[in-house]
């Protein structure tokens, strides 16, 4: 049975293991906030990939804010519908290098599944290596036996973040420095600009080079500088997507004491009673 020993794998690793019986490849592509999609890439996928719909299925469909986490029972049922079993090995990718795939990876980790990794460089790196793609198509698998085991410690809510802010705990924001400092507008109309008081800025792009995650040593240096005491970290972003890139970087660098702020800046800035800094 195929297993991963890291939270990230290369395209060469995937190519070498693509015929493993328990392998499931998930395409977790979403459109980047504030951009138009690349029509060509949206029509291609890695062979036998299954679409993991972050925007319409794998979220709280009744949630007030975008991308918030679904219930344990709902997640389990929808994952089973994708043909995923407890002994599956999941590799997840997107078509923007490493952008939305970490959100899918984090969801599985949060619901107790560990045999999963992100494809470094995603579809772009796969194609650049000369590996085969196919037109996007639905792949229907038999219902799987995936069973979830929710790990609450990987998720923080607004009240917990507010408490952490009051106590000057380590809250790290993945948005651009312009959004963090309110010198550029939020892509979501009418949302307040700025950041959570006492939070630190670490744009997710600083963890990457040309659409791939930096090396373990480079990531360890980044996290040791922003969190020298190795305290518990809370990752935030616009709506919970790119915060998971920070989570992935932390895992690669062997910093596992973290959680993701589920509502992120969209919830914080929408709740006018909450303080902001600029």
Protein backbone atom coordinates (compact mmCIF):
# COMPACT_ATOMS: atom_id res chain seq x y z
CA UNK A 1 0.00 0.00 0.00
CA UNK A 2 1.29 3.42 -0.98
CA UNK A 3 2.07 5.84 1.88
CA UNK A 4 3.52 9.33 2.01
CA UNK A 5 6.16 10.34 4.54
CA UNK A 6 5.89 14.06 3.88
CA UNK A 7 3.15 16.64 3.44
CA UNK A 8 4.46 17.44 -0.04
CA UNK A 9 5.61 15.32 -2.97
CA UNK A 10 7.27 16.07 -6.30
CA UNK A 11 5.76 15.45 -9.73
CA UNK A 12 8.42 12.78 -10.29
CA UNK A 13 7.28 10.96 -7.15
CA UNK A 14 3.69 11.02 -8.35
CA UNK A 15 4.66 9.81 -11.83
CA UNK A 16 6.61 6.90 -10.33
CA UNK A 17 3.67 5.87 -8.13
CA UNK A 18 0.72 6.75 -10.35
CA UNK A 19 -0.40 3.14 -10.79
CA UNK A 20 -0.59 2.33 -7.06
CA UNK A 21 -3.87 0.59 -6.28
CA UNK A 22 -4.77 2.84 -3.35
CA UNK A 23 -3.79 6.15 -4.97
CA UNK A 24 -6.43 8.88 -5.30
CA UNK A 25 -5.49 12.10 -7.11
CA UNK A 26 -7.63 15.09 -6.21
CA UNK A 27 -7.88 18.28 -8.27
CA UNK A 28 -8.72 21.04 -5.77
CA UNK A 29 -8.43 23.94 -8.21
CA UNK A 30 -10.35 27.12 -7.51
CA UNK A 31 -10.19 30.51 -9.17
CA UNK A 32 -7.90 32.93 -7.39
CA UNK A 33 -9.77 35.77 -5.67
CA UNK A 34 -9.83 38.88 -7.84
CA UNK A 35 -8.59 37.16 -11.02
CA UNK A 36 -9.98 35.57 -14.14
CA UNK A 37 -9.35 31.88 -14.69
CA UNK A 38 -6.98 30.40 -17.26
CA UNK A 39 -9.46 28.70 -19.58
CA UNK A 40 -6.91 26.28 -21.04
CA UNK A 41 -5.70 24.98 -17.69
CA UNK A 42 -9.23 24.69 -16.34
CA UNK A 43 -9.95 22.12 -19.06
CA UNK A 44 -7.00 19.85 -18.27
CA UNK A 45 -6.29 17.46 -15.42
CA UNK A 46 -3.76 14.87 -14.37
CA UNK A 47 -4.78 11.40 -15.51
CA UNK A 48 -7.62 9.89 -13.46
CA UNK A 49 -7.92 12.89 -11.17
CA UNK A 50 -11.11 13.41 -9.19
CA UNK A 51 -12.44 16.94 -8.68
CA UNK A 52 -12.51 18.09 -5.06
CA UNK A 53 -14.98 20.97 -5.08
CA UNK A 54 -13.88 23.44 -2.42
CA UNK A 55 -16.34 26.13 -3.47
CA UNK A 56 -19.61 24.21 -3.66
CA UNK A 57 -19.27 21.00 -1.65
CA UNK A 58 -16.38 20.88 0.81
CA UNK A 59 -17.39 23.78 3.02
CA UNK A 60 -20.25 24.79 5.28
CA UNK A 61 -22.86 25.29 2.55
CA UNK A 62 -25.05 27.26 4.97
CA UNK A 63 -22.18 29.28 6.42
CA UNK A 64 -22.34 33.04 6.77
CA UNK A 65 -18.75 33.45 5.58
CA UNK A 66 -16.99 31.88 2.57
CA UNK A 67 -15.02 28.62 2.83
CA UNK A 68 -15.84 27.83 6.46
CA UNK A 69 -15.36 24.24 7.56
CA UNK A 70 -18.22 21.73 7.12
CA UNK A 71 -19.54 19.40 9.80
CA UNK A 72 -17.72 16.14 10.45
CA UNK A 73 -20.60 13.95 9.33
CA UNK A 74 -21.13 15.95 6.12
CA UNK A 75 -17.41 15.87 5.23
CA UNK A 76 -17.24 12.13 5.82
CA UNK A 77 -20.26 11.44 3.59
CA UNK A 78 -19.05 13.65 0.72
CA UNK A 79 -15.52 12.21 0.84
CA UNK A 80 -16.95 8.70 0.67
CA UNK A 81 -18.79 9.74 -2.50
CA UNK A 82 -15.40 10.39 -4.12
CA UNK A 83 -14.41 6.75 -3.62
CA UNK A 84 -11.94 7.47 -0.82
CA UNK A 85 -11.20 4.75 1.72
CA UNK A 86 -9.40 4.73 5.04
CA UNK A 87 -6.42 3.06 3.36
CA UNK A 88 -6.30 5.44 0.38
CA UNK A 89 -3.23 7.53 -0.37
CA UNK A 90 -4.29 11.01 -1.52
CA UNK A 91 -2.25 13.44 -3.59
CA UNK A 92 -3.96 16.79 -4.06
CA UNK A 93 -3.05 19.53 -6.53
CA UNK A 94 -4.35 22.69 -8.18
CA UNK A 95 -3.57 24.53 -11.41
CA UNK A 96 -1.95 27.58 -9.80
CA UNK A 97 1.19 25.90 -8.48
CA UNK A 98 0.40 25.61 -4.77
CA UNK A 99 -2.66 27.71 -3.99
CA UNK A 100 -5.90 25.94 -3.06
CA UNK A 101 -4.59 22.36 -2.76
CA UNK A 102 -3.31 23.02 0.80
CA UNK A 103 -6.88 23.84 1.84
CA UNK A 104 -8.00 20.35 0.81
CA UNK A 105 -4.92 18.85 2.49
CA UNK A 106 -5.70 20.76 5.72
CA UNK A 107 -9.33 19.67 5.69
CA UNK A 108 -8.31 16.01 5.52
CA UNK A 109 -5.72 16.49 8.27
CA UNK A 110 -8.31 18.26 10.42
CA UNK A 111 -10.72 15.39 9.94
CA UNK A 112 -8.09 12.87 11.01
CA UNK A 113 -6.70 11.60 7.69
CA UNK A 114 -2.89 11.68 7.45
CA UNK A 115 -1.94 9.70 4.31
CA UNK A 116 -2.20 12.79 2.12
CA UNK A 117 0.26 15.17 0.46
CA UNK A 118 0.22 18.22 -1.79
CA UNK A 119 1.76 18.00 -5.26
CA UNK A 120 4.54 20.59 -5.32
CA UNK A 121 4.04 22.93 -8.26
CA UNK A 122 0.66 21.41 -9.12
CA UNK A 123 -0.56 20.98 -12.69
CA UNK A 124 1.94 23.51 -14.02
CA UNK A 125 4.94 21.55 -12.72
CA UNK A 126 3.38 18.29 -13.95
CA UNK A 127 3.04 19.64 -17.49
CA UNK A 128 6.47 21.27 -17.44
CA UNK A 129 7.96 17.85 -16.61
CA UNK A 130 6.35 16.50 -19.77
CA UNK A 131 3.87 14.25 -17.99
CA UNK A 132 0.54 13.47 -19.59
CA UNK A 133 -2.69 15.34 -18.95
CA UNK A 134 -6.20 14.62 -20.15
CA UNK A 135 -9.36 16.66 -20.74
CA UNK A 136 -11.32 17.26 -17.55
CA UNK A 137 -13.95 14.61 -17.01
CA UNK A 138 -16.00 13.18 -14.20
CA UNK A 139 -14.62 10.02 -12.69
CA UNK A 140 -17.18 8.01 -10.75
CA UNK A 141 -15.75 5.60 -8.18
CA UNK A 142 -17.47 3.18 -5.84
CA UNK A 143 -18.47 4.73 -2.51
CA UNK A 144 -15.55 4.55 -0.11
CA UNK A 145 -15.37 3.70 3.59
CA UNK A 146 -13.59 6.89 4.71
CA UNK A 147 -14.23 7.63 8.39
CA UNK A 148 -13.45 11.05 9.85
CA UNK A 149 -12.05 11.85 13.28
CA UNK A 150 -12.31 15.60 13.86
CA UNK A 151 -9.24 17.26 15.40
CA UNK A 152 -10.55 20.49 16.95
CA UNK A 153 -7.03 21.72 17.73
CA UNK A 154 -6.42 22.47 14.03
CA UNK A 155 -9.23 25.06 13.87
CA UNK A 156 -9.64 28.40 15.68
CA UNK A 157 -12.82 30.47 15.85
CA UNK A 158 -13.15 34.23 16.24
CA UNK A 159 -13.51 34.18 20.01
CA UNK A 160 -10.32 32.14 20.35
CA UNK A 161 -8.47 34.49 18.00
CA UNK A 162 -9.70 37.54 19.91
CA UNK A 163 -8.39 36.02 23.14
CA UNK A 164 -5.08 35.21 21.47
CA UNK A 165 -4.86 38.80 20.21
CA UNK A 166 -5.47 40.19 23.69
CA UNK A 167 -2.65 38.02 25.04
CA UNK A 168 -0.36 38.89 22.12
CA UNK A 169 -0.09 35.31 20.96
CA UNK A 170 1.38 34.41 17.57
CA UNK A 171 -1.23 35.18 14.89
CA UNK A 172 0.20 35.12 11.36
CA UNK A 173 -1.58 36.61 8.33
CA UNK A 174 -1.02 35.13 4.85
CA UNK A 175 -2.46 38.07 2.89
CA UNK A 176 -0.27 40.52 1.00
CA UNK A 177 1.44 43.26 2.98
CA UNK A 178 -0.72 45.82 1.14
CA UNK A 179 -3.90 44.21 2.42
CA UNK A 180 -2.39 43.68 5.87
CA UNK A 181 -1.51 47.38 6.13
CA UNK A 182 -4.71 48.58 4.38
CA UNK A 183 -2.71 50.29 1.63
CA UNK A 184 -4.55 48.25 -1.00
CA UNK A 185 -8.28 47.38 -0.96
CA UNK A 186 -9.70 44.02 -0.04
CA UNK A 187 -10.97 42.04 -3.06
CA UNK A 188 -14.29 41.57 -1.29
CA UNK A 189 -16.26 44.78 -1.69
CA UNK A 190 -16.97 46.91 1.40
CA UNK A 191 -14.73 44.81 3.67
CA UNK A 192 -12.68 46.82 6.16
CA UNK A 193 -8.93 46.94 5.55
CA UNK A 194 -6.19 46.28 8.04
CA UNK A 195 -5.31 43.36 10.29
CA UNK A 196 -6.02 41.66 13.59
CA UNK A 197 -4.31 43.55 16.43
CA UNK A 198 -0.86 42.16 17.33
CA UNK A 199 -0.85 39.82 14.32
CA UNK A 200 2.21 39.43 12.07
CA UNK A 201 2.42 39.58 8.29
CA UNK A 202 3.77 36.60 6.35
CA UNK A 203 2.42 36.65 2.77
CA UNK A 204 2.04 33.08 1.54
CA UNK A 205 4.10 34.00 -1.54
CA UNK A 206 7.17 34.30 0.71
CA UNK A 207 6.98 30.55 1.30
CA UNK A 208 7.17 29.83 -2.42
CA UNK A 209 9.49 30.14 -5.40
CA UNK A 210 7.99 29.99 -8.89
CA UNK A 211 4.81 28.27 -7.72
CA UNK A 212 6.56 25.65 -5.57
CA UNK A 213 7.02 25.49 -1.83
CA UNK A 214 10.51 26.38 -0.63
CA UNK A 215 12.81 23.77 0.86
CA UNK A 216 12.45 22.46 4.40
CA UNK A 217 15.56 24.41 5.48
CA UNK A 218 14.29 27.66 3.95
CA UNK A 219 10.88 27.25 5.59
CA UNK A 220 12.44 26.45 8.96
CA UNK A 221 14.39 29.71 8.75
CA UNK A 222 11.23 31.69 7.93
CA UNK A 223 9.25 30.24 10.83
CA UNK A 224 12.13 30.54 13.29
CA UNK A 225 12.35 34.25 12.48
CA UNK A 226 8.63 34.98 12.80
CA UNK A 227 8.11 32.64 15.77
CA UNK A 228 11.49 32.31 17.55
CA UNK A 229 10.00 30.89 20.76
CA UNK A 230 8.13 28.16 18.84
CA UNK A 231 4.82 29.15 20.39
CA UNK A 232 1.46 27.95 19.13
CA UNK A 233 0.56 29.71 15.87
CA UNK A 234 -2.79 30.77 14.45
CA UNK A 235 -2.84 31.26 10.68
CA UNK A 236 -5.26 33.68 9.04
CA UNK A 237 -5.85 35.02 5.52
CA UNK A 238 -8.77 36.41 3.52
CA UNK A 239 -11.20 33.53 3.84
CA UNK A 240 -9.27 30.46 5.00
CA UNK A 241 -7.63 29.33 1.74
CA UNK A 242 -4.09 30.73 1.75
CA UNK A 243 -3.77 30.37 5.54
CA UNK A 244 -3.53 26.68 4.73
CA UNK A 245 -0.41 27.37 2.65
CA UNK A 246 1.18 28.65 5.86
CA UNK A 247 -0.04 25.49 7.59
CA UNK A 248 1.58 23.37 4.87
CA UNK A 249 4.82 25.32 5.19
CA UNK A 250 4.76 24.84 8.95
CA UNK A 251 4.25 21.08 8.55
CA UNK A 252 7.09 20.78 6.04
CA UNK A 253 9.37 22.62 8.48
CA UNK A 254 8.25 20.34 11.35
CA UNK A 255 6.24 23.05 13.13
CA UNK A 256 2.99 21.25 13.93
CA UNK A 257 1.72 23.44 16.78
CA UNK A 258 -0.74 25.55 14.78
CA UNK A 259 -4.37 26.10 13.87
CA UNK A 260 -6.18 27.89 11.03
CA UNK A 261 -8.63 30.71 11.77
CA UNK A 262 -11.71 29.40 10.02
CA UNK A 263 -13.49 32.69 9.25
CA UNK A 264 -10.23 34.59 8.72
CA UNK A 265 -10.24 38.27 7.73
CA UNK A 266 -13.64 38.08 6.03
CA UNK A 267 -15.32 37.26 9.32
CA UNK A 268 -13.11 39.49 11.46
CA UNK A 269 -13.58 42.58 9.29
CA UNK A 270 -17.32 41.94 8.86
CA UNK A 271 -17.92 41.94 12.60
CA UNK A 272 -17.77 45.65 13.34
CA UNK A 273 -17.38 45.13 17.09
CA UNK A 274 -13.95 43.59 16.54
CA UNK A 275 -10.86 45.85 16.64
CA UNK A 276 -8.52 46.29 13.71
CA UNK A 277 -5.08 47.78 13.20
CA UNK A 278 -3.65 49.43 10.08
